[in-house]
Amino acid sequence: MLPPFFALSLQATRLALEAQQVIALRMLQLWSGDPRSRRESQRMITEKIAAATAASMTAATAIATGQSQSEVARRVLGGYSRKVRANRRRLGRS
């Protein structure tokens, strides 16, 4: 088992790399002028608001139940990772 700091660092790095892929895929779609571009730009904003709200609720719940700081961070990163991974798969199919 990895020490919490090392495991969190790997999780955050993986999330950052996947997020960069999603940004690149979105930019390609937006630059293409595809009719779906407008929907994607609106979706991008609403998803960010929803993800931030969900992350806040995840953190608050974890803190309220007495979870450690590293567990709170792990859960929040996990929530963002699931969303980013889903976007990468969806945008990769386009």
PDB file of N, CA and C in Angstrom:
ATOM      1  N   MET A   1       0.845  -1.182   0.000  1.00  0.00           N
ATOM      2  CA  MET A   1       0.000   0.000   0.000  1.00  0.00           C
ATOM      3  C   MET A   1       0.890   1.245   0.000  1.00  0.00           C
ATOM      4  N   LEU A   2       0.498   2.214  -0.818  1.00  0.00           N
ATOM      5  CA  LEU A   2       1.277   3.450  -0.924  1.00  0.00           C
ATOM      6  C   LEU A   2       0.956   4.391   0.239  1.00  0.00           C
ATOM      7  N   PRO A   3       1.948   5.162   0.675  1.00  0.00           N
ATOM      8  CA  PRO A   3       1.659   6.190   1.682  1.00  0.00           C
ATOM      9  C   PRO A   3       0.620   7.174   1.122  1.00  0.00           C
ATOM     10  N   PRO A   4      -0.255   7.723   1.975  1.00  0.00           N
ATOM     11  CA  PRO A   4      -1.334   8.592   1.487  1.00  0.00           C
ATOM     12  C   PRO A   4      -0.856   9.740   0.595  1.00  0.00           C
ATOM     13  N   PHE A   5       0.213  10.407   0.964  1.00  0.00           N
ATOM     14  CA  PHE A   5       0.676  11.540   0.159  1.00  0.00           C
ATOM     15  C   PHE A   5       1.092  11.092  -1.236  1.00  0.00           C
ATOM     16  N   PHE A   6       1.783   9.965  -1.323  1.00  0.00           N
ATOM     17  CA  PHE A   6       2.239   9.476  -2.617  1.00  0.00           C
ATOM     18  C   PHE A   6       1.050   9.045  -3.468  1.00  0.00           C
ATOM     19  N   ALA A   7       0.098   8.335  -2.860  1.00  0.00           N
ATOM     20  CA  ALA A   7      -1.088   7.885  -3.592  1.00  0.00           C
ATOM     21  C   ALA A   7      -1.900   9.088  -4.093  1.00  0.00           C
ATOM     22  N   LEU A   8      -2.054  10.107  -3.254  1.00  0.00           N
ATOM     23  CA  LEU A   8      -2.778  11.307  -3.667  1.00  0.00           C
ATOM     24  C   LEU A   8      -2.055  12.042  -4.791  1.00  0.00           C
ATOM     25  N   SER A   9      -0.738  12.078  -4.715  1.00  0.00           N
ATOM     26  CA  SER A   9       0.049  12.724  -5.766  1.00  0.00           C
ATOM     27  C   SER A   9      -0.156  12.025  -7.106  1.00  0.00           C
ATOM     28  N   LEU A  10      -0.143  10.701  -7.085  1.00  0.00           N
ATOM     29  CA  LEU A  10      -0.377   9.945  -8.322  1.00  0.00           C
ATOM     30  C   LEU A  10      -1.783  10.174  -8.848  1.00  0.00           C
ATOM     31  N   GLN A  11      -2.765  10.165  -7.951  1.00  0.00           N
ATOM     32  CA  GLN A  11      -4.153  10.383  -8.348  1.00  0.00           C
ATOM     33  C   GLN A  11      -4.329  11.782  -8.954  1.00  0.00           C
ATOM     34  N   ALA A  12      -3.738  12.784  -8.333  1.00  0.00           N
ATOM     35  CA  ALA A  12      -3.838  14.159  -8.836  1.00  0.00           C
ATOM     36  C   ALA A  12      -3.125  14.310 -10.181  1.00  0.00           C
ATOM     37  N   THR A  13      -1.988  13.658 -10.340  1.00  0.00           N
ATOM     38  CA  THR A  13      -1.249  13.721 -11.604  1.00  0.00           C
ATOM     39  C   THR A  13      -2.050  13.071 -12.721  1.00  0.00           C
ATOM     40  N   ARG A  14      -2.634  11.918 -12.439  1.00  0.00           N
ATOM     41  CA  ARG A  14      -3.453  11.219 -13.428  1.00  0.00           C
ATOM     42  C   ARG A  14      -4.650  12.096 -13.835  1.00  0.00           C
ATOM     43  N   LEU A  15      -5.285  12.719 -12.840  1.00  0.00           N
ATOM     44  CA  LEU A  15      -6.414  13.608 -13.122  1.00  0.00           C
ATOM     45  C   LEU A  15      -5.969  14.778 -13.999  1.00  0.00           C
ATOM     46  N   ALA A  16      -4.839  15.364 -13.686  1.00  0.00           N
ATOM     47  CA  ALA A  16      -4.342  16.500 -14.472  1.00  0.00           C
ATOM     48  C   ALA A  16      -4.084  16.110 -15.925  1.00  0.00           C
ATOM     49  N   LEU A  17      -3.502  14.940 -16.139  1.00  0.00           N
ATOM     50  CA  LEU A  17      -3.232  14.490 -17.508  1.00  0.00           C
ATOM     51  C   LEU A  17      -4.525  14.219 -18.271  1.00  0.00           C
ATOM     52  N   GLU A  18      -5.475  13.569 -17.617  1.00  0.00           N
ATOM     53  CA  GLU A  18      -6.757  13.302 -18.267  1.00  0.00           C
ATOM     54  C   GLU A  18      -7.507  14.597 -18.548  1.00  0.00           C
ATOM     55  N   ALA A  19      -7.428  15.559 -17.648  1.00  0.00           N
ATOM     56  CA  ALA A  19      -8.094  16.847 -17.858  1.00  0.00           C
ATOM     57  C   ALA A  19      -7.494  17.565 -19.071  1.00  0.00           C
ATOM     58  N   GLN A  20      -6.188  17.477 -19.243  1.00  0.00           N
ATOM     59  CA  GLN A  20      -5.552  18.092 -20.408  1.00  0.00           C
ATOM     60  C   GLN A  20      -6.034  17.447 -21.706  1.00  0.00           C
ATOM     61  N   GLN A  21      -6.248  16.137 -21.672  1.00  0.00           N
ATOM     62  CA  GLN A  21      -6.773  15.448 -22.853  1.00  0.00           C
ATOM     63  C   GLN A  21      -8.184  15.936 -23.172  1.00  0.00           C
ATOM     64  N   VAL A  22      -9.001  16.085 -22.142  1.00  0.00           N
ATOM     65  CA  VAL A  22     -10.368  16.578 -22.349  1.00  0.00           C
ATOM     66  C   VAL A  22     -10.345  17.999 -22.902  1.00  0.00           C
ATOM     67  N   ILE A  23      -9.482  18.836 -22.373  1.00  0.00           N
ATOM     68  CA  ILE A  23      -9.367  20.209 -22.877  1.00  0.00           C
ATOM     69  C   ILE A  23      -8.980  20.204 -24.350  1.00  0.00           C
ATOM     70  N   ALA A  24      -8.016  19.378 -24.710  1.00  0.00           N
ATOM     71  CA  ALA A  24      -7.586  19.299 -26.112  1.00  0.00           C
ATOM     72  C   ALA A  24      -8.718  18.818 -27.011  1.00  0.00           C
ATOM     73  N   LEU A  25      -9.433  17.788 -26.582  1.00  0.00           N
ATOM     74  CA  LEU A  25     -10.548  17.278 -27.389  1.00  0.00           C
ATOM     75  C   LEU A  25     -11.655  18.320 -27.531  1.00  0.00           C
ATOM     76  N   ARG A  26     -11.931  19.040 -26.455  1.00  0.00           N
ATOM     77  CA  ARG A  26     -12.963  20.084 -26.522  1.00  0.00           C
ATOM     78  C   ARG A  26     -12.529  21.218 -27.436  1.00  0.00           C
ATOM     79  N   MET A  27     -11.281  21.618 -27.349  1.00  0.00           N
ATOM     80  CA  MET A  27     -10.802  22.706 -28.202  1.00  0.00           C
ATOM     81  C   MET A  27     -10.884  22.311 -29.678  1.00  0.00           C
ATOM     82  N   LEU A  28     -10.518  21.086 -29.984  1.00  0.00           N
ATOM     83  CA  LEU A  28     -10.620  20.624 -31.375  1.00  0.00           C
ATOM     84  C   LEU A  28     -12.056  20.698 -31.861  1.00  0.00           C
ATOM     85  N   GLN A  29     -12.979  20.278 -31.010  1.00  0.00           N
ATOM     86  CA  GLN A  29     -14.386  20.318 -31.393  1.00  0.00           C
ATOM     87  C   GLN A  29     -14.876  21.759 -31.547  1.00  0.00           C
ATOM     88  N   LEU A  30     -14.501  22.627 -30.612  1.00  0.00           N
ATOM     89  CA  LEU A  30     -14.938  24.016 -30.691  1.00  0.00           C
ATOM     90  C   LEU A  30     -14.350  24.726 -31.912  1.00  0.00           C
ATOM     91  N   TRP A  31     -13.097  24.455 -32.212  1.00  0.00           N
ATOM     92  CA  TRP A  31     -12.444  25.083 -33.362  1.00  0.00           C
ATOM     93  C   TRP A  31     -12.984  24.578 -34.692  1.00  0.00           C
ATOM     94  N   SER A  32     -13.534  23.364 -34.687  1.00  0.00           N
ATOM     95  CA  SER A  32     -14.023  22.785 -35.933  1.00  0.00           C
ATOM     96  C   SER A  32     -15.260  23.510 -36.453  1.00  0.00           C
ATOM     97  N   GLY A  33     -15.972  24.208 -35.556  1.00  0.00           N
ATOM     98  CA  GLY A  33     -17.180  24.891 -35.976  1.00  0.00           C
ATOM     99  C   GLY A  33     -18.358  23.939 -36.130  1.00  0.00           C
ATOM    100  N   ASP A  34     -18.174  22.728 -35.677  1.00  0.00           N
ATOM    101  CA  ASP A  34     -19.221  21.713 -35.712  1.00  0.00           C
ATOM    102  C   ASP A  34     -20.481  22.255 -35.028  1.00  0.00           C
ATOM    103  N   PRO A  35     -21.661  21.930 -35.535  1.00  0.00           N
ATOM    104  CA  PRO A  35     -22.899  22.418 -34.891  1.00  0.00           C
ATOM    105  C   PRO A  35     -23.008  22.020 -33.415  1.00  0.00           C
ATOM    106  N   ARG A  36     -22.332  20.955 -33.025  1.00  0.00           N
ATOM    107  CA  ARG A  36     -22.364  20.519 -31.628  1.00  0.00           C
ATOM    108  C   ARG A  36     -21.497  21.403 -30.737  1.00  0.00           C
ATOM    109  N   SER A  37     -20.707  22.271 -31.331  1.00  0.00           N
ATOM    110  CA  SER A  37     -19.783  23.116 -30.565  1.00  0.00           C
ATOM    111  C   SER A  37     -20.493  23.989 -29.545  1.00  0.00           C
ATOM    112  N   ARG A  38     -21.593  24.566 -29.943  1.00  0.00           N
ATOM    113  CA  ARG A  38     -22.326  25.445 -29.024  1.00  0.00           C
ATOM    114  C   ARG A  38     -22.845  24.652 -27.822  1.00  0.00           C
ATOM    115  N   ARG A  39     -23.414  23.479 -28.101  1.00  0.00           N
ATOM    116  CA  ARG A  39     -23.900  22.623 -27.010  1.00  0.00           C
ATOM    117  C   ARG A  39     -22.762  22.220 -26.093  1.00  0.00           C
ATOM    118  N   GLU A  40     -21.621  21.912 -26.680  1.00  0.00           N
ATOM    119  CA  GLU A  40     -20.465  21.488 -25.885  1.00  0.00           C
ATOM    120  C   GLU A  40     -19.967  22.616 -24.997  1.00  0.00           C
ATOM    121  N   SER A  41     -19.951  23.836 -25.513  1.00  0.00           N
ATOM    122  CA  SER A  41     -19.482  24.952 -24.688  1.00  0.00           C
ATOM    123  C   SER A  41     -20.441  25.206 -23.524  1.00  0.00           C
ATOM    124  N   GLN A  42     -21.735  25.067 -23.759  1.00  0.00           N
ATOM    125  CA  GLN A  42     -22.709  25.222 -22.671  1.00  0.00           C
ATOM    126  C   GLN A  42     -22.593  24.064 -21.672  1.00  0.00           C
ATOM    127  N   ARG A  43     -22.439  22.878 -22.199  1.00  0.00           N
ATOM    128  CA  ARG A  43     -22.304  21.698 -21.333  1.00  0.00           C
ATOM    129  C   ARG A  43     -21.073  21.814 -20.444  1.00  0.00           C
ATOM    130  N   MET A  44     -19.994  22.299 -21.025  1.00  0.00           N
ATOM    131  CA  MET A  44     -18.740  22.435 -20.299  1.00  0.00           C
ATOM    132  C   MET A  44     -18.928  23.306 -19.051  1.00  0.00           C
ATOM    133  N   ILE A  45     -19.654  24.384 -19.190  1.00  0.00           N
ATOM    134  CA  ILE A  45     -19.848  25.303 -18.063  1.00  0.00           C
ATOM    135  C   ILE A  45     -20.766  24.687 -17.015  1.00  0.00           C
ATOM    136  N   THR A  46     -21.876  24.106 -17.443  1.00  0.00           N
ATOM    137  CA  THR A  46     -22.796  23.519 -16.465  1.00  0.00           C
ATOM    138  C   THR A  46     -22.153  22.340 -15.747  1.00  0.00           C
ATOM    139  N   GLU A  47     -21.330  21.568 -16.460  1.00  0.00           N
ATOM    140  CA  GLU A  47     -20.643  20.441 -15.818  1.00  0.00           C
ATOM    141  C   GLU A  47     -19.670  20.920 -14.745  1.00  0.00           C
ATOM    142  N   LYS A  48     -18.988  22.011 -15.006  1.00  0.00           N
ATOM    143  CA  LYS A  48     -18.027  22.528 -14.025  1.00  0.00           C
ATOM    144  C   LYS A  48     -18.739  22.965 -12.749  1.00  0.00           C
ATOM    145  N   ILE A  49     -19.870  23.623 -12.896  1.00  0.00           N
ATOM    146  CA  ILE A  49     -20.638  24.049 -11.725  1.00  0.00           C
ATOM    147  C   ILE A  49     -21.136  22.832 -10.954  1.00  0.00           C
ATOM    148  N   ALA A  50     -21.670  21.854 -11.665  1.00  0.00           N
ATOM    149  CA  ALA A  50     -22.176  20.638 -11.017  1.00  0.00           C
ATOM    150  C   ALA A  50     -21.052  19.869 -10.336  1.00  0.00           C
ATOM    151  N   ALA A  51     -19.892  19.775 -10.983  1.00  0.00           N
ATOM    152  CA  ALA A  51     -18.762  19.044 -10.403  1.00  0.00           C
ATOM    153  C   ALA A  51     -18.245  19.738  -9.142  1.00  0.00           C
ATOM    154  N   ALA A  52     -18.183  21.054  -9.162  1.00  0.00           N
ATOM    155  CA  ALA A  52     -17.724  21.788  -7.981  1.00  0.00           C
ATOM    156  C   ALA A  52     -18.711  21.622  -6.823  1.00  0.00           C
ATOM    157  N   THR A  53     -19.996  21.642  -7.132  1.00  0.00           N
ATOM    158  CA  THR A  53     -21.018  21.439  -6.104  1.00  0.00           C
ATOM    159  C   THR A  53     -20.912  20.035  -5.517  1.00  0.00           C
ATOM    160  N   ALA A  54     -20.768  19.039  -6.391  1.00  0.00           N
ATOM    161  CA  ALA A  54     -20.641  17.658  -5.926  1.00  0.00           C
ATOM    162  C   ALA A  54     -19.382  17.473  -5.083  1.00  0.00           C
ATOM    163  N   ALA A  55     -18.290  18.100  -5.499  1.00  0.00           N
ATOM    164  CA  ALA A  55     -17.042  17.995  -4.736  1.00  0.00           C
ATOM    165  C   ALA A  55     -17.193  18.617  -3.357  1.00  0.00           C
ATOM    166  N   SER A  56     -17.888  19.730  -3.292  1.00  0.00           N
ATOM    167  CA  SER A  56     -18.130  20.375  -1.993  1.00  0.00           C
ATOM    168  C   SER A  56     -18.957  19.478  -1.081  1.00  0.00           C
ATOM    169  N   MET A  57     -19.974  18.864  -1.641  1.00  0.00           N
ATOM    170  CA  MET A  57     -20.824  17.972  -0.848  1.00  0.00           C
ATOM    171  C   MET A  57     -20.051  16.721  -0.412  1.00  0.00           C
ATOM    172  N   THR A  58     -19.234  16.195  -1.293  1.00  0.00           N
ATOM    173  CA  THR A  58     -18.414  15.032  -0.956  1.00  0.00           C
ATOM    174  C   THR A  58     -17.472  15.373   0.185  1.00  0.00           C
ATOM    175  N   ALA A  59     -16.808  16.508   0.072  1.00  0.00           N
ATOM    176  CA  ALA A  59     -15.870  16.926   1.115  1.00  0.00           C
ATOM    177  C   ALA A  59     -16.594  17.165   2.431  1.00  0.00           C
ATOM    178  N   ALA A  60     -17.727  17.848   2.382  1.00  0.00           N
ATOM    179  CA  ALA A  60     -18.472  18.141   3.605  1.00  0.00           C
ATOM    180  C   ALA A  60     -18.940  16.862   4.294  1.00  0.00           C
ATOM    181  N   THR A  61     -19.411  15.913   3.499  1.00  0.00           N
ATOM    182  CA  THR A  61     -19.869  14.641   4.062  1.00  0.00           C
ATOM    183  C   THR A  61     -18.714  13.876   4.686  1.00  0.00           C
ATOM    184  N   ALA A  62     -17.590  13.832   3.989  1.00  0.00           N
ATOM    185  CA  ALA A  62     -16.421  13.120   4.510  1.00  0.00           C
ATOM    186  C   ALA A  62     -15.905  13.763   5.793  1.00  0.00           C
ATOM    187  N   ILE A  63     -15.886  15.075   5.825  1.00  0.00           N
ATOM    188  CA  ILE A  63     -15.424  15.782   7.027  1.00  0.00           C
ATOM    189  C   ILE A  63     -16.400  15.554   8.182  1.00  0.00           C
ATOM    190  N   ALA A  64     -17.695  15.615   7.881  1.00  0.00           N
ATOM    191  CA  ALA A  64     -18.711  15.437   8.920  1.00  0.00           C
ATOM    192  C   ALA A  64     -18.690  14.034   9.515  1.00  0.00           C
ATOM    193  N   THR A  65     -18.243  13.062   8.743  1.00  0.00           N
ATOM    194  CA  THR A  65     -18.179  11.688   9.257  1.00  0.00           C
ATOM    195  C   THR A  65     -16.817  11.359   9.849  1.00  0.00           C
ATOM    196  N   GLY A  66     -15.961  12.377   9.983  1.00  0.00           N
ATOM    197  CA  GLY A  66     -14.688  12.193  10.664  1.00  0.00           C
ATOM    198  C   GLY A  66     -13.575  11.571   9.842  1.00  0.00           C
ATOM    199  N   GLN A  67     -13.678  11.656   8.519  1.00  0.00           N
ATOM    200  CA  GLN A  67     -12.630  11.100   7.660  1.00  0.00           C
ATOM    201  C   GLN A  67     -11.363  11.949   7.761  1.00  0.00           C
ATOM    202  N   SER A  68     -10.239  11.317   7.504  1.00  0.00           N
ATOM    203  CA  SER A  68      -8.958  12.034   7.527  1.00  0.00           C
ATOM    204  C   SER A  68      -8.870  12.984   6.337  1.00  0.00           C
ATOM    205  N   GLN A  69      -7.941  13.919   6.423  1.00  0.00           N
ATOM    206  CA  GLN A  69      -7.756  14.875   5.328  1.00  0.00           C
ATOM    207  C   GLN A  69      -7.385  14.169   4.034  1.00  0.00           C
ATOM    208  N   SER A  70      -6.546  13.152   4.126  1.00  0.00           N
ATOM    209  CA  SER A  70      -6.160  12.442   2.904  1.00  0.00           C
ATOM    210  C   SER A  70      -7.342  11.678   2.315  1.00  0.00           C
ATOM    211  N   GLU A  71      -8.228  11.175   3.161  1.00  0.00           N
ATOM    212  CA  GLU A  71      -9.417  10.485   2.658  1.00  0.00           C
ATOM    213  C   GLU A  71     -10.377  11.474   1.999  1.00  0.00           C
ATOM    214  N   VAL A  72     -10.520  12.648   2.586  1.00  0.00           N
ATOM    215  CA  VAL A  72     -11.358  13.694   1.987  1.00  0.00           C
ATOM    216  C   VAL A  72     -10.810  14.036   0.601  1.00  0.00           C
ATOM    217  N   ALA A  73      -9.523  14.262   0.508  1.00  0.00           N
ATOM    218  CA  ALA A  73      -8.895  14.598  -0.776  1.00  0.00           C
ATOM    219  C   ALA A  73      -9.051  13.460  -1.775  1.00  0.00           C
ATOM    220  N   ARG A  74      -8.866  12.225  -1.318  1.00  0.00           N
ATOM    221  CA  ARG A  74      -9.007  11.064  -2.208  1.00  0.00           C
ATOM    222  C   ARG A  74     -10.411  10.988  -2.784  1.00  0.00           C
ATOM    223  N   ARG A  75     -11.413  11.219  -1.941  1.00  0.00           N
ATOM    224  CA  ARG A  75     -12.800  11.150  -2.404  1.00  0.00           C
ATOM    225  C   ARG A  75     -13.126  12.274  -3.392  1.00  0.00           C
ATOM    226  N   VAL A  76     -12.656  13.469  -3.096  1.00  0.00           N
ATOM    227  CA  VAL A  76     -12.920  14.601  -3.993  1.00  0.00           C
ATOM    228  C   VAL A  76     -12.232  14.375  -5.339  1.00  0.00           C
ATOM    229  N   LEU A  77     -10.980  13.968  -5.306  1.00  0.00           N
ATOM    230  CA  LEU A  77     -10.266  13.687  -6.558  1.00  0.00           C
ATOM    231  C   LEU A  77     -10.940  12.564  -7.338  1.00  0.00           C
ATOM    232  N   GLY A  78     -11.434  11.561  -6.626  1.00  0.00           N
ATOM    233  CA  GLY A  78     -12.122  10.449  -7.284  1.00  0.00           C
ATOM    234  C   GLY A  78     -13.366  10.901  -8.019  1.00  0.00           C
ATOM    235  N   GLY A  79     -14.125  11.806  -7.400  1.00  0.00           N
ATOM    236  CA  GLY A  79     -15.324  12.329  -8.059  1.00  0.00           C
ATOM    237  C   GLY A  79     -14.991  13.093  -9.326  1.00  0.00           C
ATOM    238  N   TYR A  80     -13.986  13.958  -9.238  1.00  0.00           N
ATOM    239  CA  TYR A  80     -13.560  14.695 -10.432  1.00  0.00           C
ATOM    240  C   TYR A  80     -13.024  13.736 -11.497  1.00  0.00           C
ATOM    241  N   SER A  81     -12.281  12.736 -11.071  1.00  0.00           N
ATOM    242  CA  SER A  81     -11.696  11.790 -12.025  1.00  0.00           C
ATOM    243  C   SER A  81     -12.763  11.052 -12.815  1.00  0.00           C
ATOM    244  N   ARG A  82     -13.824  10.637 -12.141  1.00  0.00           N
ATOM    245  CA  ARG A  82     -14.909   9.929 -12.846  1.00  0.00           C
ATOM    246  C   ARG A  82     -15.534  10.819 -13.915  1.00  0.00           C
ATOM    247  N   LYS A  83     -15.758  12.079 -13.592  1.00  0.00           N
ATOM    248  CA  LYS A  83     -16.356  13.012 -14.556  1.00  0.00           C
ATOM    249  C   LYS A  83     -15.420  13.268 -15.735  1.00  0.00           C
ATOM    250  N   VAL A  84     -14.160  13.482 -15.435  1.00  0.00           N
ATOM    251  CA  VAL A  84     -13.178  13.766 -16.496  1.00  0.00           C
ATOM    252  C   VAL A  84     -13.029  12.548 -17.408  1.00  0.00           C
ATOM    253  N   ARG A  85     -12.956  11.356 -16.817  1.00  0.00           N
ATOM    254  CA  ARG A  85     -12.819  10.131 -17.603  1.00  0.00           C
ATOM    255  C   ARG A  85     -14.031   9.941 -18.519  1.00  0.00           C
ATOM    256  N   ALA A  86     -15.229  10.199 -18.003  1.00  0.00           N
ATOM    257  CA  ALA A  86     -16.443  10.069 -18.816  1.00  0.00           C
ATOM    258  C   ALA A  86     -16.419  11.064 -19.976  1.00  0.00           C
ATOM    259  N   ASN A  87     -15.974  12.288 -19.716  1.00  0.00           N
ATOM    260  CA  ASN A  87     -15.866  13.279 -20.790  1.00  0.00           C
ATOM    261  C   ASN A  87     -14.840  12.869 -21.826  1.00  0.00           C
ATOM    262  N   ARG A  88     -13.733  12.322 -21.379  1.00  0.00           N
ATOM    263  CA  ARG A  88     -12.694  11.886 -22.325  1.00  0.00           C
ATOM    264  C   ARG A  88     -13.231  10.795 -23.241  1.00  0.00           C
ATOM    265  N   ARG A  89     -13.956   9.844 -22.661  1.00  0.00           N
ATOM    266  CA  ARG A  89     -14.537   8.771 -23.497  1.00  0.00           C
ATOM    267  C   ARG A  89     -15.560   9.338 -24.457  1.00  0.00           C
ATOM    268  N   ARG A  90     -16.445  10.204 -23.980  1.00  0.00           N
ATOM    269  CA  ARG A  90     -17.488  10.770 -24.830  1.00  0.00           C
ATOM    270  C   ARG A  90     -16.900  11.604 -25.956  1.00  0.00           C
ATOM    271  N   LEU A  91     -15.970  12.483 -25.633  1.00  0.00           N
ATOM    272  CA  LEU A  91     -15.378  13.344 -26.639  1.00  0.00           C
ATOM    273  C   LEU A  91     -14.484  12.570 -27.606  1.00  0.00           C
ATOM    274  N   GLY A  92     -13.892  11.496 -27.150  1.00  0.00           N
ATOM    275  CA  GLY A  92     -13.047  10.671 -28.013  1.00  0.00           C
ATOM    276  C   GLY A  92     -13.840   9.952 -29.092  1.00  0.00           C
ATOM    277  N   ARG A  93     -15.125   9.726 -28.819  1.00  0.00           N
ATOM    278  CA  ARG A  93     -15.988   9.047 -29.805  1.00  0.00           C
ATOM    279  C   ARG A  93     -16.476  10.008 -30.873  1.00  0.00           C
ATOM    280  N   SER A  94     -16.463  11.295 -30.574  1.00  0.00           N
ATOM    281  CA  SER A  94     -17.012  12.294 -31.513  1.00  0.00           C
ATOM    282  C   SER A  94     -16.184  12.407 -32.761  1.00  0.00           C
TER     283      SER A  94
END
